[in-house]
Structure formats: C-alpha cells, structure tokens
Amino acid sequence: MAEIVNLRTVRKQKARASKEVQAAENRVLFGRTKAEKQQQAAEKALAEKKIDGHKRED
C-alpha cells in the first residue's frame, strides 16, 4: 500500500527547501567583503578598458 502523506507538511518542507536554495545563492552573490567587491570592480573596469582599446573606429 501507499504511504500516507500529510500534504500540508510536504508543501511546507518544499517551501523551506526552496528558501534554503535561494539563501545559498544570495550568500554567494552578496556575502562578499568590501575588498572583494572593489577587487572585482577593478578587474571588470580593466577588462572593459582592454576591450575598448581593441575596438576599431569607423
């Protein structure tokens, strides 16, 4: 026979799991120090400057 499942409990467990996944993603995106943010911004600016330097003008 099939196992009896409380649908409300399953729905709450699913919601908790999805919130935990979202929290993990947010920790990766926003859980950086100021120095790490500045370093990434500097690397991005340098890459953009290098790409702009290789562009041809019409």
Protein backbone atom coordinates (compact mmCIF):
# COMPACT_ATOMS: atom_id res chain seq x y z
CA MET A 1 0.00 0.00 0.00
CA ALA A 2 0.97 3.62 -0.45
CA GLU A 3 2.41 5.65 2.36
CA ILE A 4 0.07 8.21 3.90
CA VAL A 5 1.46 11.74 3.48
CA ASN A 6 0.28 14.96 5.04
CA LEU A 7 0.13 17.35 2.08
CA ARG A 8 0.45 20.46 4.22
CA THR A 9 3.70 19.17 5.75
CA VAL A 10 5.11 18.22 2.36
CA ARG A 11 4.24 21.65 0.98
CA LYS A 12 5.98 23.36 3.92
CA GLN A 13 9.08 21.17 3.50
CA LYS A 14 9.23 22.04 -0.18
CA ALA A 15 8.94 25.77 0.62
CA ARG A 16 11.73 25.52 3.21
CA ALA A 17 13.97 23.73 0.74
CA SER A 18 13.43 26.37 -1.94
CA LYS A 19 14.12 29.15 0.57
CA GLU A 20 17.35 27.43 1.58
CA VAL A 21 18.46 27.23 -2.06
CA GLN A 22 17.70 30.94 -2.52
CA ALA A 23 19.60 31.77 0.67
CA ALA A 24 22.63 29.85 -0.55
CA GLU A 25 22.57 31.75 -3.85
CA ASN A 26 22.29 35.07 -2.00
CA ARG A 27 25.25 34.17 0.23
CA VAL A 28 27.35 33.65 -2.87
CA LEU A 29 26.19 36.85 -4.58
CA PHE A 30 26.03 39.29 -1.67
CA GLY A 31 28.21 37.73 1.02
CA ARG A 32 31.45 39.37 -0.03
CA THR A 33 33.71 41.78 1.79
CA LYS A 34 34.23 45.34 0.65
CA ALA A 35 37.73 44.50 -0.56
CA GLU A 36 36.41 41.60 -2.67
CA LYS A 37 33.78 43.86 -4.23
CA GLN A 38 36.38 46.51 -5.03
CA GLN A 39 38.74 43.91 -6.49
CA GLN A 40 36.01 42.56 -8.76
CA ALA A 41 35.05 46.08 -9.86
CA ALA A 42 38.68 46.88 -10.67
CA GLU A 43 39.05 43.67 -12.70
CA LYS A 44 35.84 44.44 -14.59
CA ALA A 45 36.97 48.01 -15.34
CA LEU A 46 40.34 46.76 -16.58
CA ALA A 47 38.68 44.18 -18.85
CA GLU A 48 36.32 46.81 -20.29
CA LYS A 49 39.22 49.19 -20.87
CA LYS A 50 41.18 46.48 -22.66
CA ILE A 51 38.18 45.61 -24.88
CA ASP A 52 37.55 49.28 -25.68
CA GLY A 53 41.20 49.67 -26.61
CA HIS A 54 40.89 46.98 -29.26
CA LYS A 55 37.81 48.44 -30.92
CA ARG A 56 38.11 49.86 -34.38
CA GLU A 57 36.69 53.23 -35.23
CA ASP A 58 34.74 53.74 -38.44
